[in-house]
N, C-alpha and C. Protein backbone atom coordinates (compact mmCIF):
# COMPACT_ATOMS: atom_id res chain seq x y z
N UNK A 1 267.26 30.35 72.91
CA UNK A 1 266.91 30.63 71.56
C UNK A 1 266.11 31.98 71.50
N UNK A 2 266.44 32.82 70.59
CA UNK A 2 265.67 34.12 70.48
C UNK A 2 264.42 33.87 69.68
N UNK A 3 263.45 34.74 70.01
CA UNK A 3 262.12 34.63 69.36
C UNK A 3 262.19 35.19 67.95
N UNK A 4 263.11 36.15 67.73
CA UNK A 4 263.17 36.75 66.35
C UNK A 4 264.29 36.16 65.59
N UNK A 5 264.06 35.94 64.26
CA UNK A 5 265.07 35.35 63.38
C UNK A 5 265.61 36.38 62.36
N UNK A 6 264.86 37.36 62.14
CA UNK A 6 265.16 38.37 61.11
C UNK A 6 265.07 37.82 59.66
N UNK A 7 264.61 36.60 59.55
CA UNK A 7 264.45 36.01 58.21
C UNK A 7 263.26 36.59 57.41
N UNK A 8 262.29 37.15 58.13
CA UNK A 8 261.10 37.67 57.47
C UNK A 8 261.20 39.17 57.20
N UNK A 9 262.35 39.81 57.45
CA UNK A 9 262.44 41.22 57.30
C UNK A 9 262.25 41.72 55.92
N UNK A 10 262.35 40.90 54.95
CA UNK A 10 262.19 41.33 53.55
C UNK A 10 260.85 40.86 52.94
N UNK A 11 259.95 40.53 53.85
CA UNK A 11 258.59 40.20 53.38
C UNK A 11 258.38 38.75 52.92
N UNK A 12 259.23 37.92 53.24
CA UNK A 12 259.11 36.45 52.89
C UNK A 12 259.04 35.64 54.16
N UNK A 13 258.35 34.50 54.01
CA UNK A 13 258.31 33.54 55.16
C UNK A 13 258.36 32.11 54.55
N UNK A 14 258.63 31.14 55.38
CA UNK A 14 258.70 29.78 54.95
C UNK A 14 257.50 29.01 55.35
N UNK A 15 257.02 28.20 54.42
CA UNK A 15 255.86 27.31 54.69
C UNK A 15 256.41 26.05 55.43
N UNK A 16 255.52 25.25 55.92
CA UNK A 16 255.95 24.00 56.63
C UNK A 16 256.88 23.13 55.84
N UNK A 17 256.70 23.13 54.53
CA UNK A 17 257.56 22.32 53.62
C UNK A 17 258.84 22.92 53.30
N UNK A 18 259.10 24.19 53.79
CA UNK A 18 260.33 24.91 53.58
C UNK A 18 260.31 25.87 52.41
N UNK A 19 259.23 25.79 51.60
CA UNK A 19 259.11 26.73 50.47
C UNK A 19 258.99 28.19 50.96
N UNK A 20 259.73 29.11 50.40
CA UNK A 20 259.61 30.54 50.72
C UNK A 20 258.50 31.19 49.90
N UNK A 21 257.67 32.01 50.55
CA UNK A 21 256.62 32.69 49.88
C UNK A 21 256.56 34.11 50.46
N UNK A 22 255.86 34.99 49.74
CA UNK A 22 255.60 36.30 50.21
C UNK A 22 254.63 36.25 51.40
N UNK A 23 254.81 37.15 52.39
CA UNK A 23 253.95 37.18 53.50
C UNK A 23 252.53 37.59 53.16
N UNK A 24 252.33 38.10 51.97
CA UNK A 24 250.95 38.43 51.55
C UNK A 24 250.38 37.40 50.60
N UNK A 25 250.97 36.19 50.58
CA UNK A 25 250.47 35.15 49.67
C UNK A 25 249.08 34.65 50.19
N UNK A 26 248.26 34.13 49.29
CA UNK A 26 246.93 33.59 49.75
C UNK A 26 247.09 32.53 50.82
N UNK A 27 248.16 31.73 50.78
CA UNK A 27 248.33 30.66 51.74
C UNK A 27 248.65 31.22 53.15
N UNK A 28 249.49 32.26 53.21
CA UNK A 28 249.80 32.87 54.47
C UNK A 28 248.53 33.59 55.00
N UNK A 29 247.83 34.24 54.10
CA UNK A 29 246.57 34.88 54.47
C UNK A 29 245.57 33.86 55.11
N UNK A 30 245.52 32.67 54.49
CA UNK A 30 244.59 31.65 55.01
C UNK A 30 244.99 31.17 56.38
N UNK A 31 246.26 30.75 56.51
CA UNK A 31 246.62 30.20 57.85
C UNK A 31 246.71 31.33 58.90
N UNK A 32 246.99 32.54 58.46
CA UNK A 32 246.94 33.71 59.37
C UNK A 32 245.57 34.01 59.99
N UNK A 33 244.54 33.86 59.06
CA UNK A 33 243.21 34.03 59.51
C UNK A 33 242.75 32.95 60.46
N UNK A 34 243.25 31.72 60.27
CA UNK A 34 242.93 30.61 61.11
C UNK A 34 243.59 30.84 62.54
N UNK A 35 244.82 31.42 62.49
CA UNK A 35 245.51 31.77 63.76
C UNK A 35 244.72 32.80 64.47
N UNK A 36 244.28 33.89 63.75
CA UNK A 36 243.50 34.95 64.42
C UNK A 36 242.21 34.40 64.96
N UNK A 37 241.58 33.53 64.29
CA UNK A 37 240.34 32.87 64.78
C UNK A 37 240.66 32.15 66.09
N UNK A 38 241.74 31.43 66.21
CA UNK A 38 242.08 30.72 67.38
C UNK A 38 242.35 31.65 68.54
N UNK A 39 242.93 32.80 68.22
CA UNK A 39 243.13 33.86 69.28
C UNK A 39 241.84 34.32 69.83
N UNK A 40 240.84 34.64 68.98
CA UNK A 40 239.58 35.11 69.43
C UNK A 40 238.85 34.03 70.25
N UNK A 41 238.99 32.79 69.86
CA UNK A 41 238.43 31.70 70.62
C UNK A 41 239.04 31.58 71.98
N UNK A 42 240.43 31.85 72.05
CA UNK A 42 241.08 31.93 73.31
C UNK A 42 240.51 33.04 74.22
N UNK A 43 240.21 34.16 73.61
CA UNK A 43 239.59 35.25 74.33
C UNK A 43 238.16 34.82 74.86
N UNK A 44 237.44 34.16 73.98
CA UNK A 44 236.11 33.68 74.40
C UNK A 44 236.17 32.68 75.56
N UNK A 45 237.20 31.82 75.52
CA UNK A 45 237.42 30.87 76.64
C UNK A 45 237.65 31.69 77.93
N UNK A 46 238.48 32.68 77.87
CA UNK A 46 238.77 33.49 79.08
C UNK A 46 237.57 34.19 79.66
N UNK A 47 236.63 34.59 78.81
CA UNK A 47 235.47 35.25 79.30
C UNK A 47 234.25 34.33 79.63
N UNK A 48 234.29 33.14 79.17
CA UNK A 48 233.10 32.31 79.28
C UNK A 48 232.97 31.68 80.70
N UNK A 49 231.76 31.63 81.16
CA UNK A 49 231.52 31.03 82.52
C UNK A 49 231.12 29.57 82.42
N UNK A 50 230.68 29.12 81.31
CA UNK A 50 230.16 27.77 81.13
C UNK A 50 231.36 26.85 80.87
N UNK A 51 231.55 25.87 81.82
CA UNK A 51 232.62 24.90 81.64
C UNK A 51 232.41 24.00 80.38
N UNK A 52 231.11 23.76 80.00
CA UNK A 52 230.80 22.98 78.81
C UNK A 52 231.24 23.74 77.53
N UNK A 53 230.93 25.04 77.49
CA UNK A 53 231.34 25.83 76.32
C UNK A 53 232.83 25.90 76.29
N UNK A 54 233.48 26.15 77.45
CA UNK A 54 234.99 26.20 77.48
C UNK A 54 235.56 24.98 76.93
N UNK A 55 235.10 23.86 77.23
CA UNK A 55 235.67 22.53 76.79
C UNK A 55 235.47 22.48 75.26
N UNK A 56 234.32 22.81 74.77
CA UNK A 56 234.13 22.82 73.33
C UNK A 56 235.06 23.72 72.58
N UNK A 57 235.26 24.91 73.15
CA UNK A 57 236.15 25.87 72.53
C UNK A 57 237.62 25.44 72.61
N UNK A 58 238.05 24.82 73.69
CA UNK A 58 239.36 24.32 73.81
C UNK A 58 239.67 23.23 72.78
N UNK A 59 238.71 22.32 72.56
CA UNK A 59 238.89 21.33 71.51
C UNK A 59 238.98 21.96 70.19
N UNK A 60 238.21 22.97 69.92
CA UNK A 60 238.28 23.72 68.63
C UNK A 60 239.62 24.32 68.47
N UNK A 61 240.23 24.88 69.49
CA UNK A 61 241.58 25.49 69.34
C UNK A 61 242.53 24.42 68.94
N UNK A 62 242.45 23.23 69.44
CA UNK A 62 243.37 22.13 69.04
C UNK A 62 243.11 21.80 67.54
N UNK A 63 241.86 21.74 67.18
CA UNK A 63 241.54 21.53 65.75
C UNK A 63 242.07 22.56 64.85
N UNK A 64 242.00 23.81 65.30
CA UNK A 64 242.48 24.91 64.48
C UNK A 64 244.01 24.89 64.35
N UNK A 65 244.69 24.46 65.39
CA UNK A 65 246.17 24.31 65.25
C UNK A 65 246.50 23.27 64.19
N UNK A 66 245.76 22.19 64.20
CA UNK A 66 246.02 21.15 63.18
C UNK A 66 245.64 21.68 61.76
N UNK A 67 244.49 22.39 61.63
CA UNK A 67 244.06 22.93 60.30
C UNK A 67 245.07 23.98 59.84
N UNK A 68 245.56 24.81 60.75
CA UNK A 68 246.54 25.81 60.38
C UNK A 68 247.81 25.18 59.81
N UNK A 69 248.20 24.04 60.43
CA UNK A 69 249.45 23.38 59.88
C UNK A 69 249.07 22.84 58.45
N UNK A 70 247.91 22.31 58.25
CA UNK A 70 247.53 21.81 56.87
C UNK A 70 247.46 22.99 55.88
N UNK A 71 246.94 24.13 56.36
CA UNK A 71 246.85 25.29 55.49
C UNK A 71 248.25 25.88 55.15
N UNK A 72 249.20 25.66 56.05
CA UNK A 72 250.48 26.27 55.87
C UNK A 72 251.48 25.44 55.02
N UNK A 73 250.95 24.42 54.40
CA UNK A 73 251.81 23.65 53.52
C UNK A 73 251.23 23.53 52.08
N UNK A 74 252.04 23.66 51.14
CA UNK A 74 251.62 23.41 49.75
C UNK A 74 252.01 22.04 49.26
N UNK A 75 252.78 21.29 50.08
CA UNK A 75 253.36 20.05 49.63
C UNK A 75 252.48 18.89 49.97
N UNK A 76 251.98 18.18 48.98
CA UNK A 76 251.10 16.94 49.27
C UNK A 76 251.89 15.91 50.07
N UNK A 77 253.24 15.87 49.99
CA UNK A 77 254.05 14.94 50.75
C UNK A 77 253.98 15.19 52.26
N UNK A 78 253.76 16.41 52.60
CA UNK A 78 253.77 16.82 54.01
C UNK A 78 252.44 16.35 54.69
N UNK A 79 251.41 16.12 53.96
CA UNK A 79 250.15 15.68 54.58
C UNK A 79 250.29 14.47 55.47
N UNK A 80 251.27 13.61 55.12
CA UNK A 80 251.44 12.37 55.89
C UNK A 80 252.10 12.66 57.26
N UNK A 81 252.81 13.76 57.42
CA UNK A 81 253.46 14.05 58.68
C UNK A 81 252.71 15.06 59.51
N UNK A 82 251.69 15.69 58.92
CA UNK A 82 250.86 16.67 59.70
C UNK A 82 249.86 15.94 60.57
N UNK A 83 249.31 16.60 61.56
CA UNK A 83 248.27 15.98 62.42
C UNK A 83 247.10 15.45 61.59
N UNK A 84 246.63 14.32 61.92
CA UNK A 84 245.44 13.75 61.28
C UNK A 84 244.21 14.61 61.53
N UNK A 85 243.41 14.79 60.51
CA UNK A 85 242.24 15.62 60.64
C UNK A 85 241.10 14.98 59.84
N UNK A 86 240.46 13.92 60.39
CA UNK A 86 239.42 13.24 59.72
C UNK A 86 238.13 14.04 59.52
N UNK A 87 237.29 13.65 58.58
CA UNK A 87 235.99 14.28 58.34
C UNK A 87 235.07 14.13 59.60
N UNK A 88 235.38 13.16 60.47
CA UNK A 88 234.52 12.92 61.67
C UNK A 88 234.57 14.17 62.58
N UNK A 89 235.60 15.04 62.43
CA UNK A 89 235.66 16.21 63.23
C UNK A 89 234.54 17.19 62.78
N UNK A 90 234.21 17.18 61.54
CA UNK A 90 233.12 18.01 61.00
C UNK A 90 231.81 17.51 61.52
N UNK A 91 231.61 16.19 61.49
CA UNK A 91 230.43 15.58 62.05
C UNK A 91 230.28 15.88 63.57
N UNK A 92 231.36 15.91 64.26
CA UNK A 92 231.31 16.24 65.71
C UNK A 92 230.79 17.66 65.93
N UNK A 93 231.28 18.53 65.06
CA UNK A 93 230.78 19.94 65.13
C UNK A 93 229.27 19.97 64.96
N UNK A 94 228.78 19.29 63.99
CA UNK A 94 227.32 19.18 63.66
C UNK A 94 226.53 18.72 64.86
N UNK A 95 227.09 17.70 65.50
CA UNK A 95 226.37 17.10 66.69
C UNK A 95 226.39 18.17 67.80
N UNK A 96 227.48 18.87 67.97
CA UNK A 96 227.53 19.93 69.03
C UNK A 96 226.62 20.99 68.76
N UNK A 97 226.49 21.43 67.46
CA UNK A 97 225.50 22.45 67.06
C UNK A 97 224.15 21.98 67.47
N UNK A 98 223.80 20.80 67.05
CA UNK A 98 222.42 20.28 67.38
C UNK A 98 222.19 20.21 68.83
N UNK A 99 223.18 19.78 69.63
CA UNK A 99 223.03 19.72 71.10
C UNK A 99 222.73 21.04 71.77
N UNK A 100 223.44 22.05 71.34
CA UNK A 100 223.22 23.42 71.90
C UNK A 100 221.93 24.05 71.34
N UNK A 101 221.74 23.93 70.01
CA UNK A 101 220.67 24.55 69.31
C UNK A 101 219.30 24.10 69.82
N UNK A 102 219.16 22.85 70.22
CA UNK A 102 217.87 22.28 70.63
C UNK A 102 217.40 22.93 71.95
N UNK A 103 218.33 23.61 72.69
CA UNK A 103 217.96 24.24 73.91
C UNK A 103 217.64 25.73 73.75
N UNK A 104 217.71 26.22 72.51
CA UNK A 104 217.41 27.59 72.22
C UNK A 104 216.06 27.78 71.54
N UNK A 105 215.45 28.97 71.70
CA UNK A 105 214.21 29.24 71.02
C UNK A 105 214.41 29.24 69.54
N UNK A 106 213.44 28.85 68.83
CA UNK A 106 213.44 28.85 67.32
C UNK A 106 213.68 30.30 66.83
N UNK A 107 214.58 30.48 65.85
CA UNK A 107 214.81 31.79 65.25
C UNK A 107 213.72 32.16 64.30
N UNK A 108 213.22 33.42 64.46
CA UNK A 108 212.19 33.90 63.55
C UNK A 108 212.64 35.15 62.83
N UNK A 109 213.72 35.69 63.27
CA UNK A 109 214.29 36.97 62.71
C UNK A 109 215.80 36.89 62.77
N UNK A 110 216.43 37.89 62.07
CA UNK A 110 217.88 37.93 62.14
C UNK A 110 218.32 38.41 63.56
N UNK A 111 219.48 37.88 63.96
CA UNK A 111 220.03 38.18 65.32
C UNK A 111 221.13 39.19 65.09
N UNK A 112 221.09 40.29 65.80
CA UNK A 112 222.17 41.25 65.75
C UNK A 112 223.27 40.77 66.74
N UNK A 113 224.55 40.89 66.31
CA UNK A 113 225.62 40.54 67.28
C UNK A 113 225.63 41.52 68.47
N UNK A 114 225.60 40.89 69.68
CA UNK A 114 225.56 41.72 70.85
C UNK A 114 225.20 40.92 72.05
N UNK A 115 224.87 41.60 73.14
CA UNK A 115 224.47 40.88 74.35
C UNK A 115 225.59 40.88 75.35
N UNK A 116 225.83 39.75 75.95
CA UNK A 116 226.88 39.59 76.99
C UNK A 116 228.28 39.69 76.32
N UNK A 117 229.30 39.93 77.16
CA UNK A 117 230.69 39.98 76.67
C UNK A 117 231.04 38.65 75.99
N UNK A 118 230.61 37.56 76.61
CA UNK A 118 230.91 36.27 76.05
C UNK A 118 230.30 36.11 74.64
N UNK A 119 229.05 36.53 74.54
CA UNK A 119 228.35 36.41 73.26
C UNK A 119 229.00 37.30 72.20
N UNK A 120 229.36 38.54 72.56
CA UNK A 120 229.99 39.45 71.68
C UNK A 120 231.31 38.90 71.08
N UNK A 121 232.14 38.36 71.97
CA UNK A 121 233.39 37.77 71.51
C UNK A 121 233.13 36.53 70.62
N UNK A 122 232.13 35.76 70.92
CA UNK A 122 231.79 34.59 70.08
C UNK A 122 231.31 35.12 68.69
N UNK A 123 230.58 36.21 68.64
CA UNK A 123 230.16 36.75 67.38
C UNK A 123 231.34 37.21 66.60
N UNK A 124 232.28 37.89 67.24
CA UNK A 124 233.56 38.31 66.55
C UNK A 124 234.31 37.11 66.01
N UNK A 125 234.40 36.06 66.82
CA UNK A 125 235.05 34.84 66.36
C UNK A 125 234.37 34.30 65.15
N UNK A 126 232.99 34.28 65.21
CA UNK A 126 232.21 33.83 64.06
C UNK A 126 232.56 34.60 62.77
N UNK A 127 232.64 35.92 62.88
CA UNK A 127 232.96 36.70 61.67
C UNK A 127 234.38 36.49 61.21
N UNK A 128 235.30 36.31 62.12
CA UNK A 128 236.70 35.99 61.71
C UNK A 128 236.74 34.58 61.10
N UNK A 129 235.89 33.66 61.60
CA UNK A 129 235.82 32.32 61.00
C UNK A 129 235.33 32.37 59.55
N UNK A 130 234.29 33.23 59.30
CA UNK A 130 233.84 33.40 57.95
C UNK A 130 234.94 33.99 57.03
N UNK A 131 235.73 34.92 57.64
CA UNK A 131 236.85 35.41 56.81
C UNK A 131 237.88 34.35 56.52
N UNK A 132 238.19 33.55 57.48
CA UNK A 132 239.10 32.46 57.30
C UNK A 132 238.63 31.49 56.27
N UNK A 133 237.30 31.19 56.28
CA UNK A 133 236.69 30.34 55.30
C UNK A 133 236.81 30.98 53.90
N UNK A 134 236.57 32.32 53.80
CA UNK A 134 236.64 32.91 52.44
C UNK A 134 238.07 32.90 51.93
N UNK A 135 239.03 33.14 52.82
CA UNK A 135 240.45 33.15 52.35
C UNK A 135 240.86 31.72 51.93
N UNK A 136 240.32 30.69 52.66
CA UNK A 136 240.65 29.30 52.20
C UNK A 136 240.00 28.96 50.94
N UNK A 137 238.80 29.48 50.63
CA UNK A 137 238.16 29.31 49.34
C UNK A 137 238.93 29.92 48.25
N UNK A 138 239.40 31.19 48.53
CA UNK A 138 240.25 31.88 47.52
C UNK A 138 241.53 31.08 47.24
N UNK A 139 242.11 30.59 48.28
CA UNK A 139 243.34 29.79 48.12
C UNK A 139 243.08 28.54 47.33
N UNK A 140 241.92 27.87 47.58
CA UNK A 140 241.61 26.65 46.91
C UNK A 140 241.32 26.81 45.42
N UNK A 141 241.01 28.11 44.99
CA UNK A 141 240.80 28.41 43.60
C UNK A 141 242.12 28.53 42.90
N UNK A 142 243.22 28.70 43.65
CA UNK A 142 244.50 28.90 43.01
C UNK A 142 245.45 27.65 43.21
N UNK A 143 245.33 27.05 44.41
CA UNK A 143 246.18 25.95 44.75
C UNK A 143 245.41 24.82 45.45
N UNK A 144 245.93 23.63 45.51
CA UNK A 144 245.24 22.59 46.20
C UNK A 144 245.42 22.78 47.72
N UNK A 145 244.30 22.56 48.42
CA UNK A 145 244.40 22.64 49.89
C UNK A 145 243.75 21.35 50.47
N UNK A 146 243.98 21.16 51.73
CA UNK A 146 243.46 20.03 52.45
C UNK A 146 241.94 20.08 52.40
N UNK A 147 241.34 18.97 52.04
CA UNK A 147 239.89 18.91 51.73
C UNK A 147 238.98 19.26 52.93
N UNK A 148 239.42 19.01 54.13
CA UNK A 148 238.48 19.18 55.32
C UNK A 148 238.50 20.67 55.86
N UNK A 149 239.37 21.50 55.39
CA UNK A 149 239.50 22.85 55.90
C UNK A 149 238.25 23.66 55.72
N UNK A 150 237.76 23.73 54.51
CA UNK A 150 236.59 24.58 54.26
C UNK A 150 235.31 24.09 54.91
N UNK A 151 234.98 22.85 54.81
CA UNK A 151 233.76 22.36 55.48
C UNK A 151 233.83 22.52 57.03
N UNK A 152 235.02 22.34 57.63
CA UNK A 152 235.17 22.49 59.06
C UNK A 152 234.89 23.95 59.44
N UNK A 153 235.54 24.90 58.71
CA UNK A 153 235.31 26.32 59.03
C UNK A 153 233.88 26.73 58.80
N UNK A 154 233.23 26.17 57.80
CA UNK A 154 231.81 26.52 57.51
C UNK A 154 231.02 26.07 58.67
N UNK A 155 231.17 24.82 59.13
CA UNK A 155 230.38 24.34 60.32
C UNK A 155 230.76 25.12 61.54
N UNK A 156 232.03 25.41 61.77
CA UNK A 156 232.46 26.10 62.96
C UNK A 156 231.81 27.45 63.07
N UNK A 157 231.59 28.22 61.99
CA UNK A 157 230.97 29.47 62.10
C UNK A 157 229.53 29.34 62.55
N UNK A 158 228.87 28.23 62.08
CA UNK A 158 227.51 27.97 62.62
C UNK A 158 227.50 27.70 64.09
N UNK A 159 228.51 26.87 64.53
CA UNK A 159 228.59 26.56 65.93
C UNK A 159 228.84 27.79 66.83
N UNK A 160 229.74 28.69 66.32
CA UNK A 160 230.00 29.93 67.07
C UNK A 160 228.74 30.77 67.19
N UNK A 161 227.94 30.83 66.18
CA UNK A 161 226.64 31.52 66.21
C UNK A 161 225.76 30.96 67.31
N UNK A 162 225.61 29.58 67.34
CA UNK A 162 224.80 28.94 68.29
C UNK A 162 225.36 29.15 69.72
N UNK A 163 226.69 29.08 69.87
CA UNK A 163 227.29 29.33 71.18
C UNK A 163 227.11 30.82 71.66
N UNK A 164 227.11 31.75 70.73
CA UNK A 164 226.85 33.16 71.08
C UNK A 164 225.39 33.26 71.58
N UNK A 165 224.49 32.60 70.90
CA UNK A 165 223.15 32.67 71.38
C UNK A 165 222.94 32.00 72.76
N UNK A 166 223.71 30.89 72.93
CA UNK A 166 223.65 30.24 74.24
C UNK A 166 224.25 31.12 75.29
N UNK A 167 225.32 31.88 74.97
CA UNK A 167 225.91 32.77 75.97
C UNK A 167 224.95 33.87 76.35
N UNK A 168 224.05 34.26 75.40
CA UNK A 168 223.03 35.21 75.75
C UNK A 168 221.82 34.60 76.38
N UNK A 169 221.89 33.33 76.71
CA UNK A 169 220.80 32.63 77.41
C UNK A 169 219.47 32.74 76.65
N UNK A 170 219.54 32.70 75.28
CA UNK A 170 218.36 32.71 74.49
C UNK A 170 217.72 34.09 74.34
N UNK A 171 218.27 35.09 74.91
CA UNK A 171 217.77 36.48 74.77
C UNK A 171 218.44 37.16 73.64
N UNK A 172 218.08 36.83 72.45
CA UNK A 172 218.75 37.42 71.24
C UNK A 172 218.32 38.81 71.01
N UNK A 173 219.18 39.59 70.40
CA UNK A 173 218.90 40.95 69.94
C UNK A 173 218.51 40.88 68.51
N UNK A 174 217.33 41.23 68.16
CA UNK A 174 216.84 41.08 66.82
C UNK A 174 216.95 42.32 66.01
N UNK A 175 217.15 42.07 64.71
CA UNK A 175 217.18 43.17 63.73
C UNK A 175 215.76 43.61 63.42
């Protein structure tokens, strides 16, 4: 099977439900940003030395694959065949944030993105996550989207911030 289909050469693509949309539609923008986020998380995995952080990030990549599938469909009927994504995944992120954050010094100033390569890539992933969240919010103002996407992305950006601080071993660069 060839990787190229030539079906998108005129600026259209198909959603999971088969509906054809423009490649610049808000839905394509949303799931494209989630895909980009997953790619940066993959880069963070490749650079990270902590097996604990790697495991957290690998689980997040699986979550993002499921969220991307949910973002890529406009059909409520498709929700039943897509991967399950319960709200407990959001709670799990919160617990992970608390677990890592309790080992860090209390923040007293704004942190500038920087430090180790691992931390820098996690900061980039955090900003891409915020963009993905904004594009999902924009989409939700026009169309119905899966309810757990926005809260998950919101919590994930917080986790990525905490992981970046962890990768810097508590030596934050302050504004």
